[in-house]
Amino acid sequence: MTPGCPLALRSPKMVRFFEIAFTRRFTQSMTALRLAQWGMPQVPEGRPLVVLASHAGWWDGVMFMLLHRRLMPGRPCFSPMDAAALGRYGFMRRIGVFGVEQHSPRGAAQFLRAAETILADPWNMLWINAPGRFADPRERPLPLAPGVIRLAEIAPDAVFLPLAMEYPFWSEAHPEALAAFGPPIEASALLTHDRDSRARLMSAALAETMDRLANDAISRDPARFDTLLQGRAGMGGVYGGWQYLRALLRGEKHDPRHGRR
């Protein structure tokens, strides 16, 4: 491996450290991480994986790490990032993030070279935000970054997993983090299409997963989800302390949630 290769730079110790740090940041800022009950990833053994994710907001990178840790911890994971932004957060190279120059042929070539190296190992997985930019969950047609369409060509044994994510506010002061994986797509099946129809197929598969997650988000019903990580609930602060004290004086169990079910 060359010194700048993502495989060489990734440090399992740094990954574990930042898993803890990101988990703490998440639990301080979000109500919960919830996975739709229909959206558990279907992960084949001994095949490289590409997670084809939406790009709803800043939290996506944190979600990658939290979902990976809870659902597929045995597979080393890697993810591309804008090279200019990565220059400000160099530590992220140690947790599997690699830089890609945006909006240029050279950047597309960088991405494909790194992806080919990563996906050559059947136990590795690549998490990518398919649009290549922030995109509202309701935007249709769903954009796809050009390099994404060519991934099946460099990794014909890979399996693609659509991943929908969004961050709605329900009844608490902090937002929910909702996620769901769609049915797997074989790279070999994608290769039976030309690039234009392949792009439409990949975009449609991700959009279908996003639409189904949106229906569950609109329901505002936690029972439709499995809670993978509990965050903050209730008002907190002085009012939250008063609620706790009042419940204690009444001999009741304190439930800080605003929307109790």
C-alpha atoms as a PDB file:
ATOM      1  CA  MET A   1       0.000   0.000   0.000  1.00  0.00           C
ATOM      2  CA  THR A   2       1.230   3.500  -0.815  1.00  0.00           C
ATOM      3  CA  PRO A   3       1.655   5.921   2.140  1.00  0.00           C
ATOM      4  CA  GLY A   4      -1.343   8.054   1.082  1.00  0.00           C
ATOM      5  CA  CYS A   5      -3.645   5.106   0.526  1.00  0.00           C
ATOM      6  CA  PRO A   6      -6.830   5.159   2.654  1.00  0.00           C
ATOM      7  CA  LEU A   7      -6.127   1.570   3.719  1.00  0.00           C
ATOM      8  CA  ALA A   8      -2.705   2.561   5.062  1.00  0.00           C
ATOM      9  CA  LEU A   9      -3.908   5.701   6.849  1.00  0.00           C
ATOM     10  CA  ARG A  10      -6.899   4.197   8.655  1.00  0.00           C
ATOM     11  CA  SER A  11      -6.202   3.451  12.336  1.00  0.00           C
ATOM     12  CA  PRO A  12      -8.535   1.071  14.252  1.00  0.00           C
ATOM     13  CA  LYS A  13      -7.546   2.808  17.515  1.00  0.00           C
ATOM     14  CA  MET A  14      -8.525   6.216  16.114  1.00  0.00           C
ATOM     15  CA  VAL A  15     -11.759   4.752  14.764  1.00  0.00           C
ATOM     16  CA  ARG A  16     -12.701   3.479  18.230  1.00  0.00           C
ATOM     17  CA  PHE A  17     -11.808   6.815  19.824  1.00  0.00           C
ATOM     18  CA  PHE A  18     -13.960   8.818  17.427  1.00  0.00           C
ATOM     19  CA  GLU A  19     -16.817   6.334  17.654  1.00  0.00           C
ATOM     20  CA  ILE A  20     -16.987   7.247  21.346  1.00  0.00           C
ATOM     21  CA  ALA A  21     -16.595  10.978  20.647  1.00  0.00           C
ATOM     22  CA  PHE A  22     -19.237  11.019  17.907  1.00  0.00           C
ATOM     23  CA  THR A  23     -21.637   8.971  20.021  1.00  0.00           C
ATOM     24  CA  ARG A  24     -21.334  11.488  22.841  1.00  0.00           C
ATOM     25  CA  ARG A  25     -21.851  14.413  20.459  1.00  0.00           C
ATOM     26  CA  PHE A  26     -24.904  12.711  19.001  1.00  0.00           C
ATOM     27  CA  THR A  27     -26.562  11.926  22.339  1.00  0.00           C
ATOM     28  CA  GLN A  28     -26.121  15.549  23.415  1.00  0.00           C
ATOM     29  CA  SER A  29     -27.695  16.932  20.254  1.00  0.00           C
ATOM     30  CA  MET A  30     -30.340  14.480  19.016  1.00  0.00           C
ATOM     31  CA  THR A  31     -33.386  12.755  20.475  1.00  0.00           C
ATOM     32  CA  ALA A  32     -32.595   9.271  19.133  1.00  0.00           C
ATOM     33  CA  LEU A  33     -31.106   7.288  16.278  1.00  0.00           C
ATOM     34  CA  ARG A  34     -33.946   5.209  14.838  1.00  0.00           C
ATOM     35  CA  LEU A  35     -33.844   2.541  12.126  1.00  0.00           C
ATOM     36  CA  ALA A  36     -37.081   1.768  10.279  1.00  0.00           C
ATOM     37  CA  GLN A  37     -38.178  -1.765  11.124  1.00  0.00           C
ATOM     38  CA  TRP A  38     -38.326  -2.650   7.430  1.00  0.00           C
ATOM     39  CA  GLY A  39     -34.935  -1.020   6.789  1.00  0.00           C
ATOM     40  CA  MET A  40     -32.393  -3.429   8.319  1.00  0.00           C
ATOM     41  CA  PRO A  41     -29.450  -3.854   5.895  1.00  0.00           C
ATOM     42  CA  GLN A  42     -29.295  -7.141   3.990  1.00  0.00           C
ATOM     43  CA  VAL A  43     -25.556  -7.784   4.075  1.00  0.00           C
ATOM     44  CA  PRO A  44     -24.056 -10.657   2.041  1.00  0.00           C
ATOM     45  CA  GLU A  45     -20.964 -12.429   3.353  1.00  0.00           C
ATOM     46  CA  GLY A  46     -17.631 -12.012   1.620  1.00  0.00           C
ATOM     47  CA  ARG A  47     -18.717  -9.310  -0.845  1.00  0.00           C
ATOM     48  CA  PRO A  48     -17.523  -5.689  -0.939  1.00  0.00           C
ATOM     49  CA  LEU A  49     -20.300  -3.259  -0.027  1.00  0.00           C
ATOM     50  CA  VAL A  50     -21.162   0.217  -1.272  1.00  0.00           C
ATOM     51  CA  VAL A  51     -23.648   2.152   0.865  1.00  0.00           C
ATOM     52  CA  LEU A  52     -25.419   4.532  -1.501  1.00  0.00           C
ATOM     53  CA  ALA A  53     -26.702   7.203   0.866  1.00  0.00           C
ATOM     54  CA  SER A  54     -28.795  10.332   0.639  1.00  0.00           C
ATOM     55  CA  HIS A  55     -27.183  13.593   1.744  1.00  0.00           C
ATOM     56  CA  ALA A  56     -29.688  15.430   3.903  1.00  0.00           C
ATOM     57  CA  GLY A  57     -27.321  17.324   6.181  1.00  0.00           C
ATOM     58  CA  TRP A  58     -24.164  17.759   8.237  1.00  0.00           C
ATOM     59  CA  TRP A  59     -24.946  14.782  10.457  1.00  0.00           C
ATOM     60  CA  ASP A  60     -24.585  12.248   7.639  1.00  0.00           C
ATOM     61  CA  GLY A  61     -20.930  11.488   8.352  1.00  0.00           C
ATOM     62  CA  VAL A  62     -21.670  10.900  12.026  1.00  0.00           C
ATOM     63  CA  MET A  63     -24.571   8.658  11.039  1.00  0.00           C
ATOM     64  CA  PHE A  64     -22.239   6.575   8.879  1.00  0.00           C
ATOM     65  CA  MET A  65     -20.051   5.821  11.868  1.00  0.00           C
ATOM     66  CA  LEU A  66     -22.932   5.189  14.293  1.00  0.00           C
ATOM     67  CA  LEU A  67     -24.780   2.873  11.896  1.00  0.00           C
ATOM     68  CA  HIS A  68     -21.603   1.043  10.953  1.00  0.00           C
ATOM     69  CA  ARG A  69     -20.700   0.428  14.590  1.00  0.00           C
ATOM     70  CA  ARG A  70     -24.152  -0.965  15.418  1.00  0.00           C
ATOM     71  CA  LEU A  71     -24.995  -2.907  12.269  1.00  0.00           C
ATOM     72  CA  MET A  72     -21.793  -3.943  10.454  1.00  0.00           C
ATOM     73  CA  PRO A  73     -18.896  -3.557  12.917  1.00  0.00           C
ATOM     74  CA  GLY A  74     -16.735  -6.309  11.417  1.00  0.00           C
ATOM     75  CA  ARG A  75     -16.170  -4.499   8.124  1.00  0.00           C
ATOM     76  CA  PRO A  76     -13.628  -1.672   7.766  1.00  0.00           C
ATOM     77  CA  CYS A  77     -15.457   1.352   6.373  1.00  0.00           C
ATOM     78  CA  PHE A  78     -14.242   4.215   4.200  1.00  0.00           C
ATOM     79  CA  SER A  79     -15.862   7.372   2.895  1.00  0.00           C
ATOM     80  CA  PRO A  80     -14.918  10.195   0.478  1.00  0.00           C
ATOM     81  CA  MET A  81     -14.937  13.852   1.455  1.00  0.00           C
ATOM     82  CA  ASP A  82     -14.250  17.138  -0.301  1.00  0.00           C
ATOM     83  CA  ALA A  83     -10.453  17.489  -0.300  1.00  0.00           C
ATOM     84  CA  ALA A  84     -10.563  21.161   0.720  1.00  0.00           C
ATOM     85  CA  ALA A  85     -12.770  20.387   3.727  1.00  0.00           C
ATOM     86  CA  LEU A  86     -10.645  17.380   4.674  1.00  0.00           C
ATOM     87  CA  GLY A  87      -7.628  19.681   4.757  1.00  0.00           C
ATOM     88  CA  ARG A  88      -9.223  21.369   7.782  1.00  0.00           C
ATOM     89  CA  TYR A  89      -9.978  18.057   9.518  1.00  0.00           C
ATOM     90  CA  GLY A  90      -6.867  15.997   8.844  1.00  0.00           C
ATOM     91  CA  PHE A  91      -7.605  13.590  11.689  1.00  0.00           C
ATOM     92  CA  MET A  92     -10.459  12.147   9.622  1.00  0.00           C
ATOM     93  CA  ARG A  93      -7.940  10.434   7.340  1.00  0.00           C
ATOM     94  CA  ARG A  94      -7.204   8.187  10.328  1.00  0.00           C
ATOM     95  CA  ILE A  95     -10.821   7.007  10.479  1.00  0.00           C
ATOM     96  CA  GLY A  96     -11.157   5.991   6.836  1.00  0.00           C
ATOM     97  CA  VAL A  97     -12.051   9.306   5.164  1.00  0.00           C
ATOM     98  CA  PHE A  98     -10.197  10.170   1.960  1.00  0.00           C
ATOM     99  CA  GLY A  99     -10.093  13.413   0.008  1.00  0.00           C
ATOM    100  CA  VAL A 100     -11.607  13.987  -3.424  1.00  0.00           C
ATOM    101  CA  GLU A 101     -11.247  17.191  -5.428  1.00  0.00           C
ATOM    102  CA  GLN A 102     -14.725  18.460  -6.237  1.00  0.00           C
ATOM    103  CA  HIS A 103     -16.164  19.234  -9.691  1.00  0.00           C
ATOM    104  CA  SER A 104     -13.156  18.183 -11.756  1.00  0.00           C
ATOM    105  CA  PRO A 105     -12.091  15.209 -13.917  1.00  0.00           C
ATOM    106  CA  ARG A 106      -9.053  14.791 -11.673  1.00  0.00           C
ATOM    107  CA  GLY A 107     -11.300  14.499  -8.634  1.00  0.00           C
ATOM    108  CA  ALA A 108     -13.431  11.838 -10.302  1.00  0.00           C
ATOM    109  CA  ALA A 109     -10.259   9.896 -11.139  1.00  0.00           C
ATOM    110  CA  GLN A 110      -9.053  10.228  -7.526  1.00  0.00           C
ATOM    111  CA  PHE A 111     -12.335   8.878  -6.240  1.00  0.00           C
ATOM    112  CA  LEU A 112     -12.383   5.893  -8.582  1.00  0.00           C
ATOM    113  CA  ARG A 113      -8.748   4.952  -7.852  1.00  0.00           C
ATOM    114  CA  ALA A 114      -9.364   5.017  -4.095  1.00  0.00           C
ATOM    115  CA  ALA A 115     -12.671   3.154  -4.444  1.00  0.00           C
ATOM    116  CA  GLU A 116     -11.075   0.436  -6.580  1.00  0.00           C
ATOM    117  CA  THR A 117      -8.351  -0.106  -3.965  1.00  0.00           C
ATOM    118  CA  ILE A 118     -10.882  -0.241  -1.116  1.00  0.00           C
ATOM    119  CA  LEU A 119     -13.375  -2.530  -2.830  1.00  0.00           C
ATOM    120  CA  ALA A 120     -10.687  -4.997  -3.935  1.00  0.00           C
ATOM    121  CA  ASP A 121     -11.005  -6.468  -0.421  1.00  0.00           C
ATOM    122  CA  PRO A 122     -14.361  -8.288  -0.106  1.00  0.00           C
ATOM    123  CA  TRP A 123     -14.696  -7.298   3.570  1.00  0.00           C
ATOM    124  CA  ASN A 124     -14.342  -3.562   3.009  1.00  0.00           C
ATOM    125  CA  MET A 125     -17.225  -1.187   2.583  1.00  0.00           C
ATOM    126  CA  LEU A 126     -17.532   2.258   1.048  1.00  0.00           C
ATOM    127  CA  TRP A 127     -20.077   4.753   2.411  1.00  0.00           C
ATOM    128  CA  ILE A 128     -20.874   7.524  -0.068  1.00  0.00           C
ATOM    129  CA  ASN A 129     -23.375  10.349  -0.278  1.00  0.00           C
ATOM    130  CA  ALA A 130     -24.734   9.547  -3.716  1.00  0.00           C
ATOM    131  CA  PRO A 131     -25.793  13.107  -4.720  1.00  0.00           C
ATOM    132  CA  GLY A 132     -22.272  14.433  -4.164  1.00  0.00           C
ATOM    133  CA  ARG A 133     -23.788  17.534  -2.532  1.00  0.00           C
ATOM    134  CA  PHE A 134     -26.390  18.369   0.079  1.00  0.00           C
ATOM    135  CA  ALA A 135     -29.823  17.534  -1.320  1.00  0.00           C
ATOM    136  CA  ASP A 136     -33.202  17.979   0.334  1.00  0.00           C
ATOM    137  CA  PRO A 137     -34.897  14.603   0.946  1.00  0.00           C
ATOM    138  CA  ARG A 138     -37.810  15.781  -1.242  1.00  0.00           C
ATOM    139  CA  GLU A 139     -35.686  16.740  -4.275  1.00  0.00           C
ATOM    140  CA  ARG A 140     -36.636  14.748  -7.379  1.00  0.00           C
ATOM    141  CA  PRO A 141     -35.171  13.524  -9.590  1.00  0.00           C
ATOM    142  CA  LEU A 142     -32.480  12.628  -7.101  1.00  0.00           C
ATOM    143  CA  PRO A 143     -29.049  13.708  -8.403  1.00  0.00           C
ATOM    144  CA  LEU A 144     -26.118  11.290  -8.578  1.00  0.00           C
ATOM    145  CA  ALA A 145     -22.437  12.235  -8.604  1.00  0.00           C
ATOM    146  CA  PRO A 146     -20.844  11.058 -11.886  1.00  0.00           C
ATOM    147  CA  GLY A 147     -18.259   8.799 -10.227  1.00  0.00           C
ATOM    148  CA  VAL A 148     -20.974   6.866  -8.419  1.00  0.00           C
ATOM    149  CA  ILE A 149     -22.358   5.570 -11.707  1.00  0.00           C
ATOM    150  CA  ARG A 150     -18.989   3.997 -12.599  1.00  0.00           C
ATOM    151  CA  LEU A 151     -18.447   2.128  -9.331  1.00  0.00           C
ATOM    152  CA  ALA A 152     -19.981  -1.094 -10.651  1.00  0.00           C
ATOM    153  CA  GLU A 153     -17.390  -1.079 -13.454  1.00  0.00           C
ATOM    154  CA  ILE A 154     -14.423  -1.099 -11.073  1.00  0.00           C
ATOM    155  CA  ALA A 155     -16.037  -3.448  -8.515  1.00  0.00           C
ATOM    156  CA  PRO A 156     -18.228  -5.932 -10.435  1.00  0.00           C
ATOM    157  CA  ASP A 157     -18.541  -8.204  -7.365  1.00  0.00           C
ATOM    158  CA  ALA A 158     -19.828  -5.425  -5.119  1.00  0.00           C
ATOM    159  CA  VAL A 159     -23.298  -5.075  -3.631  1.00  0.00           C
ATOM    160  CA  PHE A 160     -24.956  -1.651  -3.361  1.00  0.00           C
ATOM    161  CA  LEU A 161     -27.169  -0.793  -0.379  1.00  0.00           C
ATOM    162  CA  PRO A 162     -29.413   2.295  -0.681  1.00  0.00           C
ATOM    163  CA  LEU A 163     -29.530   4.273   2.578  1.00  0.00           C
ATOM    164  CA  ALA A 164     -32.081   6.982   3.351  1.00  0.00           C
ATOM    165  CA  MET A 165     -31.487   9.432   6.206  1.00  0.00           C
ATOM    166  CA  GLU A 166     -33.362  12.461   7.491  1.00  0.00           C
ATOM    167  CA  TYR A 167     -33.576  14.581  10.633  1.00  0.00           C
ATOM    168  CA  PRO A 168     -37.140  15.712  11.385  1.00  0.00           C
ATOM    169  CA  PHE A 169     -38.359  17.427  14.520  1.00  0.00           C
ATOM    170  CA  TRP A 170     -41.149  15.527  16.250  1.00  0.00           C
ATOM    171  CA  SER A 171     -42.308  16.370  19.766  1.00  0.00           C
ATOM    172  CA  GLU A 172     -38.978  17.007  21.483  1.00  0.00           C
ATOM    173  CA  ALA A 173     -36.638  19.995  21.482  1.00  0.00           C
ATOM    174  CA  HIS A 174     -34.009  18.023  19.560  1.00  0.00           C
ATOM    175  CA  PRO A 175     -34.452  16.386  16.142  1.00  0.00           C
ATOM    176  CA  GLU A 176     -34.794  12.695  15.412  1.00  0.00           C
ATOM    177  CA  ALA A 177     -32.192  10.885  13.287  1.00  0.00           C
ATOM    178  CA  LEU A 178     -34.030   8.421  11.065  1.00  0.00           C
ATOM    179  CA  ALA A 179     -32.462   5.856   8.735  1.00  0.00           C
ATOM    180  CA  ALA A 180     -33.447   2.918   6.546  1.00  0.00           C
ATOM    181  CA  PHE A 181     -31.642   0.651   4.096  1.00  0.00           C
ATOM    182  CA  GLY A 182     -33.271  -0.460   0.870  1.00  0.00           C
ATOM    183  CA  PRO A 183     -32.989  -3.817  -0.916  1.00  0.00           C
ATOM    184  CA  PRO A 184     -29.458  -4.658  -2.124  1.00  0.00           C
ATOM    185  CA  ILE A 185     -28.500  -4.132  -5.756  1.00  0.00           C
ATOM    186  CA  GLU A 186     -25.925  -6.382  -7.437  1.00  0.00           C
ATOM    187  CA  ALA A 187     -23.173  -4.600  -9.363  1.00  0.00           C
ATOM    188  CA  SER A 188     -23.496  -7.308 -11.998  1.00  0.00           C
ATOM    189  CA  ALA A 189     -27.141  -6.306 -12.519  1.00  0.00           C
ATOM    190  CA  LEU A 190     -26.151  -2.646 -12.891  1.00  0.00           C
ATOM    191  CA  LEU A 191     -23.577  -3.583 -15.525  1.00  0.00           C
ATOM    192  CA  THR A 192     -26.305  -4.910 -17.820  1.00  0.00           C
ATOM    193  CA  HIS A 193     -27.369  -1.266 -18.307  1.00  0.00           C
ATOM    194  CA  ASP A 194     -25.597   1.590 -20.044  1.00  0.00           C
ATOM    195  CA  ARG A 195     -24.494   4.455 -17.814  1.00  0.00           C
ATOM    196  CA  ASP A 196     -27.579   6.608 -18.380  1.00  0.00           C
ATOM    197  CA  SER A 197     -30.070   3.875 -17.523  1.00  0.00           C
ATOM    198  CA  ARG A 198     -27.811   2.688 -14.699  1.00  0.00           C
ATOM    199  CA  ALA A 199     -27.939   6.181 -13.204  1.00  0.00           C
ATOM    200  CA  ARG A 200     -31.729   6.208 -13.427  1.00  0.00           C
ATOM    201  CA  LEU A 201     -31.942   2.781 -11.786  1.00  0.00           C
ATOM    202  CA  MET A 202     -29.636   3.748  -8.889  1.00  0.00           C
ATOM    203  CA  SER A 203     -31.362   7.089  -8.377  1.00  0.00           C
ATOM    204  CA  ALA A 204     -34.786   5.443  -8.398  1.00  0.00           C
ATOM    205  CA  ALA A 205     -33.738   2.756  -5.885  1.00  0.00           C
ATOM    206  CA  LEU A 206     -32.440   5.368  -3.452  1.00  0.00           C
ATOM    207  CA  ALA A 207     -35.448   7.646  -3.995  1.00  0.00           C
ATOM    208  CA  GLU A 208     -37.835   4.755  -3.318  1.00  0.00           C
ATOM    209  CA  THR A 209     -36.078   4.058  -0.011  1.00  0.00           C
ATOM    210  CA  MET A 210     -36.197   7.766   0.868  1.00  0.00           C
ATOM    211  CA  ASP A 211     -39.910   7.986   0.046  1.00  0.00           C
ATOM    212  CA  ARG A 212     -40.713   4.997   2.221  1.00  0.00           C
ATOM    213  CA  LEU A 213     -38.718   6.457   5.124  1.00  0.00           C
ATOM    214  CA  ALA A 214     -40.509   9.782   4.626  1.00  0.00           C
ATOM    215  CA  ASN A 215     -43.857   8.068   5.152  1.00  0.00           C
ATOM    216  CA  ASP A 216     -42.641   6.713   8.488  1.00  0.00           C
ATOM    217  CA  ALA A 217     -41.228  10.114   9.426  1.00  0.00           C
ATOM    218  CA  ILE A 218     -44.581  11.771   8.680  1.00  0.00           C
ATOM    219  CA  SER A 219     -46.315   9.293  10.999  1.00  0.00           C
ATOM    220  CA  ARG A 220     -44.201  10.586  13.927  1.00  0.00           C
ATOM    221  CA  ASP A 221     -44.574   7.108  15.408  1.00  0.00           C
ATOM    222  CA  PRO A 222     -41.476   5.694  17.175  1.00  0.00           C
ATOM    223  CA  ALA A 223     -43.130   2.253  17.151  1.00  0.00           C
ATOM    224  CA  ARG A 224     -42.318   2.008  13.444  1.00  0.00           C
ATOM    225  CA  PHE A 225     -38.615   2.129  14.296  1.00  0.00           C
ATOM    226  CA  ASP A 226     -36.007   0.279  16.302  1.00  0.00           C
ATOM    227  CA  THR A 227     -34.100   2.692  18.528  1.00  0.00           C
ATOM    228  CA  LEU A 228     -30.363   2.109  18.075  1.00  0.00           C
ATOM    229  CA  LEU A 229     -29.186   4.966  20.272  1.00  0.00           C
ATOM    230  CA  GLN A 230     -31.084   7.116  22.739  1.00  0.00           C
ATOM    231  CA  GLY A 231     -30.220  10.800  22.952  1.00  0.00           C
ATOM    232  CA  ARG A 232     -31.762  13.721  24.823  1.00  0.00           C
ATOM    233  CA  ALA A 233     -35.419  14.218  25.652  1.00  0.00           C
ATOM    234  CA  GLY A 234     -37.326  16.860  27.571  1.00  0.00           C
ATOM    235  CA  MET A 235     -36.624  20.511  28.214  1.00  0.00           C
ATOM    236  CA  GLY A 236     -33.479  20.211  30.291  1.00  0.00           C
ATOM    237  CA  GLY A 237     -32.128  23.199  32.208  1.00  0.00           C
ATOM    238  CA  VAL A 238     -33.999  24.737  35.153  1.00  0.00           C
ATOM    239  CA  TYR A 239     -37.416  23.549  33.991  1.00  0.00           C
ATOM    240  CA  GLY A 240     -36.149  20.016  33.464  1.00  0.00           C
ATOM    241  CA  GLY A 241     -34.675  20.040  36.957  1.00  0.00           C
ATOM    242  CA  TRP A 242     -37.976  21.213  38.417  1.00  0.00           C
ATOM    243  CA  GLN A 243     -39.832  18.395  36.609  1.00  0.00           C
ATOM    244  CA  TYR A 244     -37.400  15.863  38.060  1.00  0.00           C
ATOM    245  CA  LEU A 245     -37.756  17.264  41.593  1.00  0.00           C
ATOM    246  CA  ARG A 246     -41.551  17.346  41.357  1.00  0.00           C
ATOM    247  CA  ALA A 247     -41.673  13.691  40.263  1.00  0.00           C
ATOM    248  CA  LEU A 248     -39.281  12.771  43.109  1.00  0.00           C
ATOM    249  CA  LEU A 249     -41.460  14.503  45.709  1.00  0.00           C
ATOM    250  CA  ARG A 250     -44.547  12.704  44.364  1.00  0.00           C
ATOM    251  CA  GLY A 251     -42.816   9.341  44.401  1.00  0.00           C
ATOM    252  CA  GLU A 252     -43.193   9.066  40.626  1.00  0.00           C
ATOM    253  CA  LYS A 253     -40.753   7.965  37.965  1.00  0.00           C
ATOM    254  CA  HIS A 254     -39.488  10.984  36.062  1.00  0.00           C
ATOM    255  CA  ASP A 255     -40.155  10.811  32.292  1.00  0.00           C
ATOM    256  CA  PRO A 256     -38.612  13.867  30.594  1.00  0.00           C
ATOM    257  CA  ARG A 257     -40.196  13.241  27.209  1.00  0.00           C
ATOM    258  CA  HIS A 258     -42.583  15.927  25.956  1.00  0.00           C
ATOM    259  CA  GLY A 259     -44.453  13.523  23.683  1.00  0.00           C
ATOM    260  CA  ARG A 260     -44.991  10.487  25.924  1.00  0.00           C
ATOM    261  CA  ARG A 261     -46.264   7.258  24.375  1.00  0.00           C
END
